[in-house]
Amino acid sequence: GRECLEQMPRDAGRQPDYVVASVGGGSNAIGIFHPYIEHESVRLIGVEAAGEGLDSGHHAASLNRGVVGVLHGNRTYLLQDANGQITETHSISAGLDYPGVGPEHAWLKDSGRAQYVGITDQEALAAFHNCCRIEGIMPALESAHAIAYAAKLAPTLPKDQIILVNLSGRGDKDMHTVAETSGIAL
């Protein structure tokens, strides 16, 4: 995030209007969000794994569908049952398949400083393929969630708006998952 804060004015002429990053546990997203927290004109958008849909019960979207609880000593949003027991999660991305989120993101959500949205497995998979085909970049499936949301957001904005998307990892580790889900034999 600090690098982006320095590089954006040089490379784009100003800071972005939006910073979009995938959020599972939240460490990659907080890394890019943190330097921008004090820049209130920059909107922060975290993208969670909506799996088979936010209302399906098969997702990992603790900020969108979780409730406040304690896990690993942190009070934050969790996917849990009525007895406080952690529930099963689902995401095509192993890196986003987690039942909670770091407390920094809980604070950003509750304070209104960041917005959190969901992207389904199918939307992320389509973004993965598009990024490979169009940009020649094989993103991690985690990052593909952020790319998918940025692709939805961009057409709704004026053409002079800038979206900074956090690509937090390489997709080579995800090739077996992508192939299997896409019906490709390796």
Protein backbone atom coordinates (compact mmCIF):
# COMPACT_ATOMS: atom_id res chain seq x y z
CA GLY A 1 0.00 0.00 0.00
CA ARG A 2 2.79 2.45 0.82
CA GLU A 3 4.33 1.75 -2.60
CA CYS A 4 0.98 2.44 -4.28
CA LEU A 5 0.58 5.68 -2.33
CA GLU A 6 3.94 6.82 -3.75
CA GLN A 7 3.57 5.37 -7.26
CA MET A 8 0.01 6.39 -8.13
CA PRO A 9 0.71 10.15 -8.39
CA ARG A 10 3.75 9.44 -10.54
CA ASP A 11 2.13 6.80 -12.76
CA ALA A 12 -1.51 7.95 -12.86
CA GLY A 13 -1.19 11.63 -11.94
CA ARG A 14 -3.13 11.25 -8.66
CA GLN A 15 -4.37 8.81 -6.07
CA PRO A 16 -7.06 6.30 -7.13
CA ASP A 17 -10.75 6.84 -6.54
CA TYR A 18 -11.15 3.22 -5.43
CA VAL A 19 -8.89 0.57 -3.93
CA VAL A 20 -10.29 -2.94 -4.41
CA ALA A 21 -8.85 -6.02 -2.70
CA SER A 22 -9.99 -9.53 -1.86
CA VAL A 23 -10.69 -10.31 1.80
CA GLY A 24 -10.52 -13.71 3.46
CA GLY A 25 -8.70 -13.33 6.76
CA GLY A 26 -7.87 -9.87 5.45
CA SER A 27 -4.07 -9.56 5.66
CA ASN A 28 -3.46 -8.77 1.97
CA ALA A 29 -6.32 -6.29 1.84
CA ILE A 30 -5.28 -4.46 5.01
CA GLY A 31 -1.79 -4.15 3.54
CA ILE A 32 -3.07 -2.08 0.65
CA PHE A 33 -5.92 -0.38 2.57
CA HIS A 34 -3.91 0.84 5.57
CA PRO A 35 -2.02 3.73 3.91
CA TYR A 36 -5.26 4.90 2.28
CA ILE A 37 -7.40 4.97 5.43
CA GLU A 38 -6.61 8.64 6.09
CA HIS A 39 -7.27 9.53 2.42
CA GLU A 40 -11.03 9.79 2.76
CA SER A 41 -11.58 10.60 -0.92
CA VAL A 42 -10.32 7.10 -1.79
CA ARG A 43 -13.06 4.48 -1.41
CA LEU A 44 -11.94 1.15 0.02
CA ILE A 45 -13.77 -1.96 -1.21
CA GLY A 46 -13.10 -5.42 0.17
CA VAL A 47 -14.29 -8.36 -1.90
CA GLU A 48 -15.35 -11.50 -0.04
CA ALA A 49 -15.92 -15.02 -1.35
CA ALA A 50 -19.65 -15.30 -2.01
CA GLY A 51 -19.09 -18.92 -3.09
CA GLU A 52 -22.38 -20.25 -4.45
CA GLY A 53 -24.14 -17.00 -3.47
CA LEU A 54 -24.45 -14.93 -0.31
CA ASP A 55 -27.86 -16.44 0.44
CA SER A 56 -26.83 -20.03 -0.39
CA GLY A 57 -25.18 -20.83 2.93
CA HIS A 58 -22.12 -21.94 0.91
CA HIS A 59 -19.77 -18.96 1.08
CA ALA A 60 -17.00 -17.44 3.17
CA ALA A 61 -18.40 -13.91 3.50
CA SER A 62 -18.09 -13.17 7.22
CA LEU A 63 -18.45 -9.40 6.83
CA ASN A 64 -21.54 -9.72 4.63
CA ARG A 65 -23.28 -12.58 6.43
CA GLY A 66 -21.44 -13.12 9.70
CA VAL A 67 -22.11 -11.94 13.23
CA VAL A 68 -19.80 -10.58 15.89
CA GLY A 69 -17.99 -13.19 17.94
CA VAL A 70 -14.55 -14.17 19.22
CA LEU A 71 -12.09 -16.43 17.37
CA HIS A 72 -8.38 -16.80 18.08
CA GLY A 73 -8.67 -14.03 20.66
CA ASN A 74 -10.14 -11.50 18.23
CA ARG A 75 -13.59 -9.94 18.44
CA THR A 76 -14.69 -9.71 14.84
CA TYR A 77 -17.27 -10.90 12.33
CA LEU A 78 -17.55 -14.68 12.11
CA LEU A 79 -19.58 -17.32 10.35
CA GLN A 80 -21.03 -19.19 13.32
CA ASP A 81 -24.19 -20.93 14.44
CA ALA A 82 -26.58 -19.88 17.22
CA ASN A 83 -24.31 -21.62 19.78
CA GLY A 84 -21.22 -19.68 18.67
CA GLN A 85 -19.71 -22.68 16.89
CA ILE A 86 -17.85 -21.89 13.67
CA THR A 87 -19.73 -23.05 10.57
CA GLU A 88 -18.44 -24.58 7.34
CA THR A 89 -17.27 -22.15 4.70
CA HIS A 90 -17.00 -22.48 0.94
CA SER A 91 -14.95 -20.73 -1.72
CA ILE A 92 -13.28 -21.80 -4.94
CA SER A 93 -10.26 -19.99 -3.49
CA ALA A 94 -8.51 -21.77 -0.64
CA GLY A 95 -7.05 -18.42 0.46
CA LEU A 96 -10.50 -16.90 1.04
CA ASP A 97 -12.10 -19.98 2.59
CA TYR A 98 -12.02 -18.79 6.20
CA PRO A 99 -14.87 -18.24 8.71
CA GLY A 100 -13.66 -14.89 10.10
CA VAL A 101 -11.81 -11.72 9.30
CA GLY A 102 -9.17 -9.61 11.01
CA PRO A 103 -10.55 -7.05 13.48
CA GLU A 104 -9.19 -4.16 11.39
CA HIS A 105 -11.74 -5.01 8.69
CA ALA A 106 -14.51 -5.26 11.29
CA TRP A 107 -13.60 -1.72 12.39
CA LEU A 108 -13.42 -0.45 8.78
CA LYS A 109 -16.88 -1.92 8.12
CA ASP A 110 -18.47 -0.64 11.32
CA SER A 111 -16.97 2.83 10.89
CA GLY A 112 -18.20 2.99 7.29
CA ARG A 113 -14.67 3.63 6.01
CA ALA A 114 -14.71 0.50 3.84
CA GLN A 115 -17.43 -1.30 1.93
CA TYR A 116 -17.50 -5.10 1.61
CA VAL A 117 -19.09 -6.94 -1.29
CA GLY A 118 -19.29 -10.54 -2.45
CA ILE A 119 -18.19 -12.23 -5.68
CA THR A 120 -19.27 -15.79 -6.48
CA ASP A 121 -17.03 -18.67 -7.49
CA GLN A 122 -18.29 -18.44 -11.07
CA GLU A 123 -17.64 -14.68 -11.29
CA ALA A 124 -14.12 -15.16 -9.91
CA LEU A 125 -13.41 -18.02 -12.32
CA ALA A 126 -14.56 -15.91 -15.28
CA ALA A 127 -12.33 -13.04 -14.11
CA PHE A 128 -9.39 -15.46 -13.78
CA HIS A 129 -9.83 -16.61 -17.40
CA ASN A 130 -10.34 -13.04 -18.66
CA CYS A 131 -7.22 -11.77 -16.91
CA CYS A 132 -5.17 -14.63 -18.36
CA ARG A 133 -6.53 -14.08 -21.87
CA ILE A 134 -6.60 -10.27 -21.99
CA GLU A 135 -3.65 -9.26 -19.79
CA GLY A 136 -1.46 -12.37 -19.93
CA ILE A 137 -1.46 -12.43 -16.12
CA MET A 138 -2.45 -15.58 -14.21
CA PRO A 139 -3.91 -14.13 -10.99
CA ALA A 140 -4.48 -16.08 -7.81
CA LEU A 141 -8.12 -17.02 -7.36
CA GLU A 142 -8.14 -14.67 -4.35
CA SER A 143 -7.17 -11.77 -6.62
CA ALA A 144 -9.65 -12.91 -9.27
CA HIS A 145 -12.43 -11.98 -6.83
CA ALA A 146 -11.13 -8.39 -6.71
CA ILE A 147 -10.72 -8.31 -10.51
CA ALA A 148 -14.30 -9.55 -10.95
CA TYR A 149 -15.68 -6.79 -8.74
CA ALA A 150 -13.55 -4.11 -10.42
CA ALA A 151 -14.90 -5.28 -13.79
CA LYS A 152 -18.47 -4.87 -12.45
CA LEU A 153 -17.71 -1.48 -10.90
CA ALA A 154 -15.83 0.13 -13.82
CA PRO A 155 -18.76 0.45 -16.25
CA THR A 156 -20.79 2.28 -13.59
CA LEU A 157 -18.19 5.02 -13.12
CA PRO A 158 -17.24 8.12 -15.09
CA LYS A 159 -14.33 7.42 -17.44
CA ASP A 160 -11.92 9.60 -15.45
CA GLN A 161 -12.21 7.45 -12.30
CA ILE A 162 -9.24 5.27 -11.30
CA ILE A 163 -9.58 1.82 -9.71
CA LEU A 164 -6.51 0.32 -8.05
CA VAL A 165 -6.87 -3.48 -7.81
CA ASN A 166 -4.67 -5.45 -5.44
CA LEU A 167 -3.19 -8.54 -7.13
CA SER A 168 -2.02 -10.40 -4.08
CA GLY A 169 -0.68 -13.60 -5.56
CA ARG A 170 0.11 -15.81 -8.53
CA GLY A 171 -2.37 -18.26 -9.98
CA ASP A 172 -0.03 -21.16 -10.70
CA LYS A 173 -0.94 -22.64 -7.31
CA ASP A 174 -4.60 -22.62 -8.39
CA MET A 175 -4.22 -24.33 -11.78
CA HIS A 176 -5.55 -27.71 -10.62
CA THR A 177 -8.63 -26.06 -9.10
CA VAL A 178 -9.22 -23.94 -12.21
CA ALA A 179 -8.76 -26.92 -14.53
CA GLU A 180 -11.05 -29.18 -12.52
CA THR A 181 -13.76 -26.53 -12.17
CA SER A 182 -13.49 -25.62 -15.86
CA GLY A 183 -13.64 -29.25 -17.02
CA ILE A 184 -10.09 -29.23 -18.35
CA ALA A 185 -8.06 -32.43 -18.06
CA LEU A 186 -4.42 -31.94 -17.11
